[in-house]
């Protein structure tokens, strides 16, 4: 079983559980970190996320994960908030966070570059609209975005 298939199986299993708790499953990641396999669920909620929400989700998904066993071998389960540099994963994230500064990395070069930073202008069909630092406009195909994160305003 590949890491991507583990992530997809876990997402399908736990997303309805997280939504039943009134929260959003932002991202599922699975990988080896310093010799330990980590299954990380990133969650968000209307009022943000604290320790209590993380505990509730952890307890709610623990049994179903054990029963369905979508992760081979032993692993550590982590449930966390998206943080200030929140990942943008779903199409609706690119709409919700329009107006925010973002950092995007594309899977392949577009106009000779893979790294983009600027103001997110939303989503138009399957294109992420961006005003790049320097003022140029870009329309990046959603399926070509390898990674996108908010750039926190720490001023």
C-alpha atoms as a PDB file:
ATOM      1  CA  UNK A   1       0.000   0.000   0.000  1.00  0.00           C
ATOM      2  CA  UNK A   2       1.463   3.379  -1.021  1.00  0.00           C
ATOM      3  CA  UNK A   3       1.535   6.460   1.191  1.00  0.00           C
ATOM      4  CA  UNK A   4      -0.965   8.156  -1.139  1.00  0.00           C
ATOM      5  CA  UNK A   5      -3.392   5.238  -0.904  1.00  0.00           C
ATOM      6  CA  UNK A   6      -3.093   5.258   2.913  1.00  0.00           C
ATOM      7  CA  UNK A   7      -3.824   9.006   2.955  1.00  0.00           C
ATOM      8  CA  UNK A   8      -6.873   8.582   0.696  1.00  0.00           C
ATOM      9  CA  UNK A   9      -8.238   5.605   2.681  1.00  0.00           C
ATOM     10  CA  UNK A  10      -7.827   7.509   5.960  1.00  0.00           C
ATOM     11  CA  UNK A  11      -9.423  10.643   4.486  1.00  0.00           C
ATOM     12  CA  UNK A  12     -12.490   8.702   3.345  1.00  0.00           C
ATOM     13  CA  UNK A  13     -12.803   7.025   6.741  1.00  0.00           C
ATOM     14  CA  UNK A  14     -12.285   9.991   9.076  1.00  0.00           C
ATOM     15  CA  UNK A  15     -13.700  12.965   7.136  1.00  0.00           C
ATOM     16  CA  UNK A  16     -17.350  12.123   7.958  1.00  0.00           C
ATOM     17  CA  UNK A  17     -16.413  11.619  11.629  1.00  0.00           C
ATOM     18  CA  UNK A  18     -14.659  14.995  11.792  1.00  0.00           C
ATOM     19  CA  UNK A  19     -17.587  16.702  10.021  1.00  0.00           C
ATOM     20  CA  UNK A  20     -20.054  15.126  12.477  1.00  0.00           C
ATOM     21  CA  UNK A  21     -18.114  16.940  15.207  1.00  0.00           C
ATOM     22  CA  UNK A  22     -18.761  20.238  13.383  1.00  0.00           C
ATOM     23  CA  UNK A  23     -15.165  20.523  12.185  1.00  0.00           C
ATOM     24  CA  UNK A  24     -13.304  20.384   8.870  1.00  0.00           C
ATOM     25  CA  UNK A  25     -10.644  17.858   7.927  1.00  0.00           C
ATOM     26  CA  UNK A  26      -8.130  20.101   6.177  1.00  0.00           C
ATOM     27  CA  UNK A  27      -5.388  17.618   5.396  1.00  0.00           C
ATOM     28  CA  UNK A  28      -4.196  14.063   6.027  1.00  0.00           C
ATOM     29  CA  UNK A  29      -0.491  13.298   5.835  1.00  0.00           C
ATOM     30  CA  UNK A  30       1.359  10.042   6.438  1.00  0.00           C
ATOM     31  CA  UNK A  31       5.095   9.609   6.463  1.00  0.00           C
ATOM     32  CA  UNK A  32       8.203   8.562   8.267  1.00  0.00           C
ATOM     33  CA  UNK A  33       9.666  11.242  10.513  1.00  0.00           C
ATOM     34  CA  UNK A  34      12.863  10.427  12.382  1.00  0.00           C
ATOM     35  CA  UNK A  35      12.216   6.689  12.169  1.00  0.00           C
ATOM     36  CA  UNK A  36       8.557   6.871  13.272  1.00  0.00           C
ATOM     37  CA  UNK A  37       5.500   6.587  11.051  1.00  0.00           C
ATOM     38  CA  UNK A  38       3.201   9.550  11.703  1.00  0.00           C
ATOM     39  CA  UNK A  39      -0.428   9.801  10.611  1.00  0.00           C
ATOM     40  CA  UNK A  40      -1.323  13.486  10.941  1.00  0.00           C
ATOM     41  CA  UNK A  41      -4.855  14.849  10.734  1.00  0.00           C
ATOM     42  CA  UNK A  42      -5.053  18.612  10.354  1.00  0.00           C
ATOM     43  CA  UNK A  43      -8.433  19.988  11.412  1.00  0.00           C
ATOM     44  CA  UNK A  44     -10.096  23.393  11.553  1.00  0.00           C
ATOM     45  CA  UNK A  45     -13.291  24.821  12.942  1.00  0.00           C
ATOM     46  CA  UNK A  46     -15.385  27.977  12.813  1.00  0.00           C
ATOM     47  CA  UNK A  47     -13.830  29.250  16.050  1.00  0.00           C
ATOM     48  CA  UNK A  48     -10.357  27.832  15.406  1.00  0.00           C
ATOM     49  CA  UNK A  49      -8.853  24.753  17.025  1.00  0.00           C
ATOM     50  CA  UNK A  50      -7.614  24.141  20.537  1.00  0.00           C
ATOM     51  CA  UNK A  51      -6.491  21.132  22.543  1.00  0.00           C
ATOM     52  CA  UNK A  52     -10.074  20.109  23.299  1.00  0.00           C
ATOM     53  CA  UNK A  53     -11.047  19.804  19.629  1.00  0.00           C
ATOM     54  CA  UNK A  54      -7.876  17.840  18.875  1.00  0.00           C
ATOM     55  CA  UNK A  55      -8.618  15.477  21.766  1.00  0.00           C
ATOM     56  CA  UNK A  56     -12.231  14.987  20.646  1.00  0.00           C
ATOM     57  CA  UNK A  57     -11.197  14.145  17.085  1.00  0.00           C
ATOM     58  CA  UNK A  58      -8.421  11.830  18.259  1.00  0.00           C
ATOM     59  CA  UNK A  59     -10.828   9.900  20.482  1.00  0.00           C
ATOM     60  CA  UNK A  60     -13.533   9.803  17.793  1.00  0.00           C
ATOM     61  CA  UNK A  61     -11.292   8.407  15.036  1.00  0.00           C
ATOM     62  CA  UNK A  62      -9.170   6.040  17.141  1.00  0.00           C
ATOM     63  CA  UNK A  63     -11.654   3.140  17.176  1.00  0.00           C
ATOM     64  CA  UNK A  64     -12.667   3.369  13.506  1.00  0.00           C
ATOM     65  CA  UNK A  65      -8.994   3.556  12.452  1.00  0.00           C
ATOM     66  CA  UNK A  66      -8.178   0.469  14.523  1.00  0.00           C
ATOM     67  CA  UNK A  67     -11.186  -1.405  13.140  1.00  0.00           C
ATOM     68  CA  UNK A  68     -10.696  -0.508   9.448  1.00  0.00           C
ATOM     69  CA  UNK A  69      -6.885  -0.759   9.727  1.00  0.00           C
ATOM     70  CA  UNK A  70      -6.065   1.389   6.643  1.00  0.00           C
ATOM     71  CA  UNK A  71      -2.501   2.030   7.870  1.00  0.00           C
ATOM     72  CA  UNK A  72       0.020  -0.822   7.647  1.00  0.00           C
ATOM     73  CA  UNK A  73       2.044  -1.498  10.793  1.00  0.00           C
ATOM     74  CA  UNK A  74       2.288   0.740  13.810  1.00  0.00           C
ATOM     75  CA  UNK A  75       2.085   4.525  13.658  1.00  0.00           C
ATOM     76  CA  UNK A  76       1.563   7.573  15.829  1.00  0.00           C
ATOM     77  CA  UNK A  77      -1.663   9.530  15.385  1.00  0.00           C
ATOM     78  CA  UNK A  78      -1.381  13.314  15.613  1.00  0.00           C
ATOM     79  CA  UNK A  79      -4.320  15.694  15.397  1.00  0.00           C
ATOM     80  CA  UNK A  80      -3.442  19.359  15.021  1.00  0.00           C
ATOM     81  CA  UNK A  81      -4.644  22.761  13.874  1.00  0.00           C
ATOM     82  CA  UNK A  82      -3.579  24.133  10.494  1.00  0.00           C
ATOM     83  CA  UNK A  83      -1.478  26.870  12.105  1.00  0.00           C
ATOM     84  CA  UNK A  84      -0.779  30.353  10.804  1.00  0.00           C
ATOM     85  CA  UNK A  85       0.702  29.016   7.557  1.00  0.00           C
ATOM     86  CA  UNK A  86      -2.383  26.952   6.892  1.00  0.00           C
ATOM     87  CA  UNK A  87      -2.240  24.631   3.881  1.00  0.00           C
ATOM     88  CA  UNK A  88      -4.729  25.276   1.082  1.00  0.00           C
ATOM     89  CA  UNK A  89      -5.785  21.855  -0.130  1.00  0.00           C
ATOM     90  CA  UNK A  90      -9.391  21.930  -1.303  1.00  0.00           C
ATOM     91  CA  UNK A  91     -10.786  24.166  -4.071  1.00  0.00           C
ATOM     92  CA  UNK A  92     -13.003  25.930  -1.524  1.00  0.00           C
ATOM     93  CA  UNK A  93      -9.879  26.987   0.433  1.00  0.00           C
ATOM     94  CA  UNK A  94      -8.766  29.099  -2.543  1.00  0.00           C
ATOM     95  CA  UNK A  95     -12.133  30.879  -2.470  1.00  0.00           C
ATOM     96  CA  UNK A  96     -12.364  31.224   1.319  1.00  0.00           C
ATOM     97  CA  UNK A  97      -8.898  32.759   1.672  1.00  0.00           C
ATOM     98  CA  UNK A  98      -9.094  35.162  -1.286  1.00  0.00           C
ATOM     99  CA  UNK A  99      -7.328  38.396  -0.358  1.00  0.00           C
ATOM    100  CA  UNK A 100      -4.685  36.627   1.727  1.00  0.00           C
ATOM    101  CA  UNK A 101      -0.992  36.305   0.904  1.00  0.00           C
ATOM    102  CA  UNK A 102      -0.015  32.826  -0.254  1.00  0.00           C
ATOM    103  CA  UNK A 103       3.017  30.811  -1.261  1.00  0.00           C
ATOM    104  CA  UNK A 104       2.372  28.254  -4.009  1.00  0.00           C
ATOM    105  CA  UNK A 105       4.610  25.595  -5.532  1.00  0.00           C
ATOM    106  CA  UNK A 106       3.525  24.025  -8.795  1.00  0.00           C
ATOM    107  CA  UNK A 107       4.261  20.454  -9.852  1.00  0.00           C
ATOM    108  CA  UNK A 108       5.773  21.664 -13.131  1.00  0.00           C
ATOM    109  CA  UNK A 109       7.117  25.058 -14.188  1.00  0.00           C
ATOM    110  CA  UNK A 110       4.500  27.530 -15.396  1.00  0.00           C
ATOM    111  CA  UNK A 111       5.876  30.539 -17.269  1.00  0.00           C
ATOM    112  CA  UNK A 112       9.331  29.288 -16.311  1.00  0.00           C
ATOM    113  CA  UNK A 113       8.766  29.102 -12.559  1.00  0.00           C
ATOM    114  CA  UNK A 114       7.469  26.725  -9.908  1.00  0.00           C
ATOM    115  CA  UNK A 115       7.455  29.015  -6.848  1.00  0.00           C
ATOM    116  CA  UNK A 116       4.849  31.769  -6.590  1.00  0.00           C
ATOM    117  CA  UNK A 117       4.161  34.278  -3.831  1.00  0.00           C
ATOM    118  CA  UNK A 118       1.479  36.930  -3.858  1.00  0.00           C
ATOM    119  CA  UNK A 119      -2.127  37.861  -3.085  1.00  0.00           C
ATOM    120  CA  UNK A 120      -4.714  35.148  -3.677  1.00  0.00           C
ATOM    121  CA  UNK A 121      -7.598  36.402  -5.815  1.00  0.00           C
ATOM    122  CA  UNK A 122      -9.760  33.288  -5.597  1.00  0.00           C
ATOM    123  CA  UNK A 123     -10.659  30.552  -8.019  1.00  0.00           C
ATOM    124  CA  UNK A 124     -12.051  30.808 -11.537  1.00  0.00           C
ATOM    125  CA  UNK A 125     -13.158  27.364 -12.663  1.00  0.00           C
ATOM    126  CA  UNK A 126     -10.040  25.224 -12.318  1.00  0.00           C
ATOM    127  CA  UNK A 127      -7.587  28.158 -12.181  1.00  0.00           C
ATOM    128  CA  UNK A 128      -6.167  29.680  -9.008  1.00  0.00           C
ATOM    129  CA  UNK A 129      -5.946  33.443  -9.507  1.00  0.00           C
ATOM    130  CA  UNK A 130      -2.967  35.238  -8.028  1.00  0.00           C
ATOM    131  CA  UNK A 131      -1.493  38.721  -8.075  1.00  0.00           C
ATOM    132  CA  UNK A 132       2.183  37.889  -7.893  1.00  0.00           C
ATOM    133  CA  UNK A 133       4.542  40.051  -5.871  1.00  0.00           C
ATOM    134  CA  UNK A 134       5.591  42.619  -8.459  1.00  0.00           C
ATOM    135  CA  UNK A 135       2.044  43.110  -9.736  1.00  0.00           C
ATOM    136  CA  UNK A 136       1.627  40.551 -12.536  1.00  0.00           C
ATOM    137  CA  UNK A 137      -1.506  38.427 -12.675  1.00  0.00           C
ATOM    138  CA  UNK A 138      -1.275  34.631 -12.847  1.00  0.00           C
ATOM    139  CA  UNK A 139      -3.848  31.892 -13.387  1.00  0.00           C
ATOM    140  CA  UNK A 140      -2.407  28.598 -12.135  1.00  0.00           C
ATOM    141  CA  UNK A 141      -4.158  25.319 -12.990  1.00  0.00           C
ATOM    142  CA  UNK A 142      -5.478  23.811  -9.771  1.00  0.00           C
ATOM    143  CA  UNK A 143      -4.321  20.314 -10.764  1.00  0.00           C
ATOM    144  CA  UNK A 144      -0.736  21.614 -11.117  1.00  0.00           C
ATOM    145  CA  UNK A 145      -0.525  22.965  -7.563  1.00  0.00           C
ATOM    146  CA  UNK A 146       1.742  20.708  -5.545  1.00  0.00           C
ATOM    147  CA  UNK A 147       1.608  22.793  -2.375  1.00  0.00           C
ATOM    148  CA  UNK A 148      -0.087  26.013  -1.286  1.00  0.00           C
ATOM    149  CA  UNK A 149       0.066  27.743   2.085  1.00  0.00           C
ATOM    150  CA  UNK A 150      -1.006  31.023   3.604  1.00  0.00           C
ATOM    151  CA  UNK A 151       1.821  33.430   4.376  1.00  0.00           C
ATOM    152  CA  UNK A 152       1.198  34.659   7.937  1.00  0.00           C
ATOM    153  CA  UNK A 153       1.126  38.396   8.533  1.00  0.00           C
ATOM    154  CA  UNK A 154       3.344  38.723  11.590  1.00  0.00           C
ATOM    155  CA  UNK A 155       3.342  42.529  11.708  1.00  0.00           C
END
